[in-house]
């Protein structure tokens, strides 16, 4: 065989494909509650989960009330999870106790709140790596633009879609998936 043809064939057949991240289940992501207790996302299999990065000093903060209304209205097939984040305008500066007190007193929040996390950048929490990366979630890429951006995951753990901050939690854009 011609050595040149062998070299060219080897050159083009032995190149490794660009590595992709492995698709991962949302239920394998580890995250803690606002008070530091482990949250097992597998406990929510069979229900939709709405993940929302929240902040106490944001123009969208009144959405806490609608998020609680959404949780109450669809409690049989939905879990709302608030994820405090201080990456947008420093609008969530409080301690876990401050956040919990603020949300409960001002908006009657009873839905699950997690530890304060980063939703973008080099310290992005693995949950948001899953929510924003198609190679991991199997559906689509996105970027978190501001506080109160919402991500809906279906009862089987698949990303359904995301909704920008200006989408009211009780909007039919979200509730149409929850009506059964």
C-alpha atoms as a PDB file:
ATOM      1  CA  UNK A   1       0.000   0.000   0.000  1.00  0.00           C
ATOM      2  CA  UNK A   2       1.135   3.521  -0.740  1.00  0.00           C
ATOM      3  CA  UNK A   3       2.626   5.100   2.472  1.00  0.00           C
ATOM      4  CA  UNK A   4       1.130   8.483   1.607  1.00  0.00           C
ATOM      5  CA  UNK A   5      -2.406   7.029   1.283  1.00  0.00           C
ATOM      6  CA  UNK A   6      -1.918   5.198   4.590  1.00  0.00           C
ATOM      7  CA  UNK A   7      -0.814   8.436   6.269  1.00  0.00           C
ATOM      8  CA  UNK A   8      -3.789  10.402   4.875  1.00  0.00           C
ATOM      9  CA  UNK A   9      -6.256   7.647   5.809  1.00  0.00           C
ATOM     10  CA  UNK A  10      -4.824   7.504   9.342  1.00  0.00           C
ATOM     11  CA  UNK A  11      -4.913  11.271   9.639  1.00  0.00           C
ATOM     12  CA  UNK A  12      -8.613  11.490   8.837  1.00  0.00           C
ATOM     13  CA  UNK A  13      -9.841   8.359  10.608  1.00  0.00           C
ATOM     14  CA  UNK A  14      -8.010   8.726  13.896  1.00  0.00           C
ATOM     15  CA  UNK A  15      -9.054  12.258  14.701  1.00  0.00           C
ATOM     16  CA  UNK A  16     -11.198  12.288  17.811  1.00  0.00           C
ATOM     17  CA  UNK A  17     -14.599  13.967  17.690  1.00  0.00           C
ATOM     18  CA  UNK A  18     -15.121  17.041  19.788  1.00  0.00           C
ATOM     19  CA  UNK A  19     -16.087  15.850  23.250  1.00  0.00           C
ATOM     20  CA  UNK A  20     -19.621  16.582  24.366  1.00  0.00           C
ATOM     21  CA  UNK A  21     -20.935  16.704  27.893  1.00  0.00           C
ATOM     22  CA  UNK A  22     -22.923  13.631  28.874  1.00  0.00           C
ATOM     23  CA  UNK A  23     -26.667  14.036  29.159  1.00  0.00           C
ATOM     24  CA  UNK A  24     -27.562  13.935  32.805  1.00  0.00           C
ATOM     25  CA  UNK A  25     -30.805  13.487  34.716  1.00  0.00           C
ATOM     26  CA  UNK A  26     -32.114  16.549  36.528  1.00  0.00           C
ATOM     27  CA  UNK A  27     -32.829  14.204  39.432  1.00  0.00           C
ATOM     28  CA  UNK A  28     -29.099  13.574  39.938  1.00  0.00           C
ATOM     29  CA  UNK A  29     -28.263  17.250  40.519  1.00  0.00           C
ATOM     30  CA  UNK A  30     -27.348  18.031  44.109  1.00  0.00           C
ATOM     31  CA  UNK A  31     -28.583  21.199  45.801  1.00  0.00           C
ATOM     32  CA  UNK A  32     -29.352  22.325  49.343  1.00  0.00           C
ATOM     33  CA  UNK A  33     -32.284  24.179  50.845  1.00  0.00           C
ATOM     34  CA  UNK A  34     -32.056  27.701  52.185  1.00  0.00           C
ATOM     35  CA  UNK A  35     -31.285  26.262  55.629  1.00  0.00           C
ATOM     36  CA  UNK A  36     -28.626  23.894  54.280  1.00  0.00           C
ATOM     37  CA  UNK A  37     -30.553  20.597  54.158  1.00  0.00           C
ATOM     38  CA  UNK A  38     -30.063  18.376  51.098  1.00  0.00           C
ATOM     39  CA  UNK A  39     -32.913  18.527  48.568  1.00  0.00           C
ATOM     40  CA  UNK A  40     -33.494  15.267  46.741  1.00  0.00           C
ATOM     41  CA  UNK A  41     -34.959  16.266  43.379  1.00  0.00           C
ATOM     42  CA  UNK A  42     -35.969  12.618  42.827  1.00  0.00           C
ATOM     43  CA  UNK A  43     -38.682  13.255  45.420  1.00  0.00           C
ATOM     44  CA  UNK A  44     -40.414  15.366  42.752  1.00  0.00           C
ATOM     45  CA  UNK A  45     -40.515  12.759  39.976  1.00  0.00           C
ATOM     46  CA  UNK A  46     -44.050  12.617  38.629  1.00  0.00           C
ATOM     47  CA  UNK A  47     -44.545  16.381  39.048  1.00  0.00           C
ATOM     48  CA  UNK A  48     -43.535  19.396  37.030  1.00  0.00           C
ATOM     49  CA  UNK A  49     -40.847  21.563  38.614  1.00  0.00           C
ATOM     50  CA  UNK A  50     -40.615  25.301  38.014  1.00  0.00           C
ATOM     51  CA  UNK A  51     -37.145  26.620  38.875  1.00  0.00           C
ATOM     52  CA  UNK A  52     -36.946  30.400  39.354  1.00  0.00           C
ATOM     53  CA  UNK A  53     -33.873  32.454  40.233  1.00  0.00           C
ATOM     54  CA  UNK A  54     -35.213  34.950  42.756  1.00  0.00           C
ATOM     55  CA  UNK A  55     -34.123  38.179  44.452  1.00  0.00           C
ATOM     56  CA  UNK A  56     -35.663  40.293  47.203  1.00  0.00           C
ATOM     57  CA  UNK A  57     -34.792  43.726  45.836  1.00  0.00           C
ATOM     58  CA  UNK A  58     -35.816  43.371  42.203  1.00  0.00           C
ATOM     59  CA  UNK A  59     -38.586  44.996  40.195  1.00  0.00           C
ATOM     60  CA  UNK A  60     -39.932  41.472  39.601  1.00  0.00           C
ATOM     61  CA  UNK A  61     -39.952  40.589  43.326  1.00  0.00           C
ATOM     62  CA  UNK A  62     -43.781  40.904  43.516  1.00  0.00           C
ATOM     63  CA  UNK A  63     -43.849  37.720  41.406  1.00  0.00           C
ATOM     64  CA  UNK A  64     -43.254  35.848  44.666  1.00  0.00           C
ATOM     65  CA  UNK A  65     -46.997  36.223  45.262  1.00  0.00           C
ATOM     66  CA  UNK A  66     -47.901  34.751  41.847  1.00  0.00           C
ATOM     67  CA  UNK A  67     -45.343  31.953  42.290  1.00  0.00           C
ATOM     68  CA  UNK A  68     -47.048  30.996  45.543  1.00  0.00           C
ATOM     69  CA  UNK A  69     -50.444  31.216  43.823  1.00  0.00           C
ATOM     70  CA  UNK A  70     -49.145  28.941  41.050  1.00  0.00           C
ATOM     71  CA  UNK A  71     -47.821  26.455  43.609  1.00  0.00           C
ATOM     72  CA  UNK A  72     -51.149  26.471  45.471  1.00  0.00           C
ATOM     73  CA  UNK A  73     -53.240  26.163  42.292  1.00  0.00           C
ATOM     74  CA  UNK A  74     -51.286  23.232  40.856  1.00  0.00           C
ATOM     75  CA  UNK A  75     -49.978  21.579  44.037  1.00  0.00           C
ATOM     76  CA  UNK A  76     -50.978  18.117  42.821  1.00  0.00           C
ATOM     77  CA  UNK A  77     -48.674  18.218  39.805  1.00  0.00           C
ATOM     78  CA  UNK A  78     -46.219  21.108  40.350  1.00  0.00           C
ATOM     79  CA  UNK A  79     -43.384  22.066  42.671  1.00  0.00           C
ATOM     80  CA  UNK A  80     -42.065  25.631  42.589  1.00  0.00           C
ATOM     81  CA  UNK A  81     -38.448  26.015  43.669  1.00  0.00           C
ATOM     82  CA  UNK A  82     -36.974  29.460  44.270  1.00  0.00           C
ATOM     83  CA  UNK A  83     -33.218  29.846  43.902  1.00  0.00           C
ATOM     84  CA  UNK A  84     -31.867  33.046  45.480  1.00  0.00           C
ATOM     85  CA  UNK A  85     -29.194  34.669  43.349  1.00  0.00           C
ATOM     86  CA  UNK A  86     -27.202  37.856  43.858  1.00  0.00           C
ATOM     87  CA  UNK A  87     -25.681  38.064  40.350  1.00  0.00           C
ATOM     88  CA  UNK A  88     -28.006  40.662  38.851  1.00  0.00           C
ATOM     89  CA  UNK A  89     -27.528  44.104  40.335  1.00  0.00           C
ATOM     90  CA  UNK A  90     -26.719  42.744  43.805  1.00  0.00           C
ATOM     91  CA  UNK A  91     -30.469  42.384  44.378  1.00  0.00           C
ATOM     92  CA  UNK A  92     -30.261  39.427  46.787  1.00  0.00           C
ATOM     93  CA  UNK A  93     -27.724  40.518  49.419  1.00  0.00           C
ATOM     94  CA  UNK A  94     -29.453  38.946  52.430  1.00  0.00           C
ATOM     95  CA  UNK A  95     -28.526  35.971  54.578  1.00  0.00           C
ATOM     96  CA  UNK A  96     -30.638  32.802  54.394  1.00  0.00           C
ATOM     97  CA  UNK A  97     -32.601  33.962  57.460  1.00  0.00           C
ATOM     98  CA  UNK A  98     -33.161  37.408  55.908  1.00  0.00           C
ATOM     99  CA  UNK A  99     -34.397  35.851  52.658  1.00  0.00           C
ATOM    100  CA  UNK A 100     -36.746  33.436  54.413  1.00  0.00           C
ATOM    101  CA  UNK A 101     -38.234  36.145  56.651  1.00  0.00           C
ATOM    102  CA  UNK A 102     -38.633  38.627  53.788  1.00  0.00           C
ATOM    103  CA  UNK A 103     -40.382  36.117  51.523  1.00  0.00           C
ATOM    104  CA  UNK A 104     -42.729  34.778  54.169  1.00  0.00           C
ATOM    105  CA  UNK A 105     -43.708  38.131  55.721  1.00  0.00           C
ATOM    106  CA  UNK A 106     -44.085  40.111  52.500  1.00  0.00           C
ATOM    107  CA  UNK A 107     -45.406  37.497  50.079  1.00  0.00           C
ATOM    108  CA  UNK A 108     -46.543  34.474  52.103  1.00  0.00           C
ATOM    109  CA  UNK A 109     -43.988  32.256  50.389  1.00  0.00           C
ATOM    110  CA  UNK A 110     -44.261  28.632  51.450  1.00  0.00           C
ATOM    111  CA  UNK A 111     -42.695  27.013  48.377  1.00  0.00           C
ATOM    112  CA  UNK A 112     -39.231  25.494  48.535  1.00  0.00           C
ATOM    113  CA  UNK A 113     -36.256  27.855  48.535  1.00  0.00           C
ATOM    114  CA  UNK A 114     -32.676  26.737  47.973  1.00  0.00           C
ATOM    115  CA  UNK A 115     -29.318  27.996  49.071  1.00  0.00           C
ATOM    116  CA  UNK A 116     -28.072  31.147  47.336  1.00  0.00           C
ATOM    117  CA  UNK A 117     -26.396  30.126  44.069  1.00  0.00           C
ATOM    118  CA  UNK A 118     -24.794  31.474  40.899  1.00  0.00           C
ATOM    119  CA  UNK A 119     -26.899  30.888  37.795  1.00  0.00           C
ATOM    120  CA  UNK A 120     -24.211  31.880  35.291  1.00  0.00           C
ATOM    121  CA  UNK A 121     -20.453  32.354  35.029  1.00  0.00           C
ATOM    122  CA  UNK A 122     -17.503  30.317  36.241  1.00  0.00           C
ATOM    123  CA  UNK A 123     -19.238  29.376  39.518  1.00  0.00           C
ATOM    124  CA  UNK A 124     -22.522  28.409  37.860  1.00  0.00           C
ATOM    125  CA  UNK A 125     -24.353  25.868  39.991  1.00  0.00           C
ATOM    126  CA  UNK A 126     -24.705  22.401  38.377  1.00  0.00           C
ATOM    127  CA  UNK A 127     -28.496  22.819  38.347  1.00  0.00           C
ATOM    128  CA  UNK A 128     -28.194  25.832  36.065  1.00  0.00           C
ATOM    129  CA  UNK A 129     -25.550  24.090  34.001  1.00  0.00           C
ATOM    130  CA  UNK A 130     -28.260  21.454  33.412  1.00  0.00           C
ATOM    131  CA  UNK A 131     -31.032  23.982  32.767  1.00  0.00           C
ATOM    132  CA  UNK A 132     -29.024  26.116  30.312  1.00  0.00           C
ATOM    133  CA  UNK A 133     -26.932  23.567  28.389  1.00  0.00           C
ATOM    134  CA  UNK A 134     -28.490  21.476  25.595  1.00  0.00           C
ATOM    135  CA  UNK A 135     -25.669  18.911  25.782  1.00  0.00           C
ATOM    136  CA  UNK A 136     -26.738  18.165  29.350  1.00  0.00           C
ATOM    137  CA  UNK A 137     -30.527  18.703  29.274  1.00  0.00           C
ATOM    138  CA  UNK A 138     -31.069  17.311  25.763  1.00  0.00           C
ATOM    139  CA  UNK A 139     -33.458  20.090  24.751  1.00  0.00           C
ATOM    140  CA  UNK A 140     -32.048  23.595  24.363  1.00  0.00           C
ATOM    141  CA  UNK A 141     -29.410  26.132  25.299  1.00  0.00           C
ATOM    142  CA  UNK A 142     -30.238  29.356  27.092  1.00  0.00           C
ATOM    143  CA  UNK A 143     -28.701  32.161  29.086  1.00  0.00           C
ATOM    144  CA  UNK A 144     -30.147  33.537  32.288  1.00  0.00           C
ATOM    145  CA  UNK A 145     -30.807  37.201  31.526  1.00  0.00           C
ATOM    146  CA  UNK A 146     -32.128  38.507  34.874  1.00  0.00           C
ATOM    147  CA  UNK A 147     -33.831  37.637  38.154  1.00  0.00           C
ATOM    148  CA  UNK A 148     -37.090  35.673  37.996  1.00  0.00           C
ATOM    149  CA  UNK A 149     -36.295  33.798  34.774  1.00  0.00           C
ATOM    150  CA  UNK A 150     -38.251  30.552  34.932  1.00  0.00           C
ATOM    151  CA  UNK A 151     -37.387  27.014  33.802  1.00  0.00           C
ATOM    152  CA  UNK A 152     -40.081  24.336  33.580  1.00  0.00           C
ATOM    153  CA  UNK A 153     -39.180  20.655  33.823  1.00  0.00           C
ATOM    154  CA  UNK A 154     -41.854  18.023  33.150  1.00  0.00           C
ATOM    155  CA  UNK A 155     -42.905  15.119  35.353  1.00  0.00           C
ATOM    156  CA  UNK A 156     -40.336  12.838  33.688  1.00  0.00           C
ATOM    157  CA  UNK A 157     -37.416  15.205  34.232  1.00  0.00           C
ATOM    158  CA  UNK A 158     -37.259  16.741  30.749  1.00  0.00           C
ATOM    159  CA  UNK A 159     -36.749  20.442  30.191  1.00  0.00           C
ATOM    160  CA  UNK A 160     -39.964  21.822  28.717  1.00  0.00           C
ATOM    161  CA  UNK A 161     -38.998  25.459  28.183  1.00  0.00           C
ATOM    162  CA  UNK A 162     -37.821  28.631  29.843  1.00  0.00           C
ATOM    163  CA  UNK A 163     -39.608  31.935  30.321  1.00  0.00           C
ATOM    164  CA  UNK A 164     -38.088  35.373  30.731  1.00  0.00           C
ATOM    165  CA  UNK A 165     -38.571  37.490  33.843  1.00  0.00           C
ATOM    166  CA  UNK A 166     -41.503  39.439  32.436  1.00  0.00           C
ATOM    167  CA  UNK A 167     -43.599  36.265  32.101  1.00  0.00           C
ATOM    168  CA  UNK A 168     -46.125  36.242  34.925  1.00  0.00           C
ATOM    169  CA  UNK A 169     -45.997  32.902  36.770  1.00  0.00           C
ATOM    170  CA  UNK A 170     -49.770  32.472  36.237  1.00  0.00           C
ATOM    171  CA  UNK A 171     -49.437  33.076  32.480  1.00  0.00           C
ATOM    172  CA  UNK A 172     -51.022  30.525  30.166  1.00  0.00           C
ATOM    173  CA  UNK A 173     -47.535  30.141  28.655  1.00  0.00           C
ATOM    174  CA  UNK A 174     -46.738  28.185  31.829  1.00  0.00           C
ATOM    175  CA  UNK A 175     -50.111  26.911  33.048  1.00  0.00           C
ATOM    176  CA  UNK A 176     -50.994  25.256  29.717  1.00  0.00           C
ATOM    177  CA  UNK A 177     -48.453  22.551  30.574  1.00  0.00           C
ATOM    178  CA  UNK A 178     -49.890  22.019  34.065  1.00  0.00           C
ATOM    179  CA  UNK A 179     -53.573  21.558  33.184  1.00  0.00           C
ATOM    180  CA  UNK A 180     -54.484  17.912  33.106  1.00  0.00           C
END
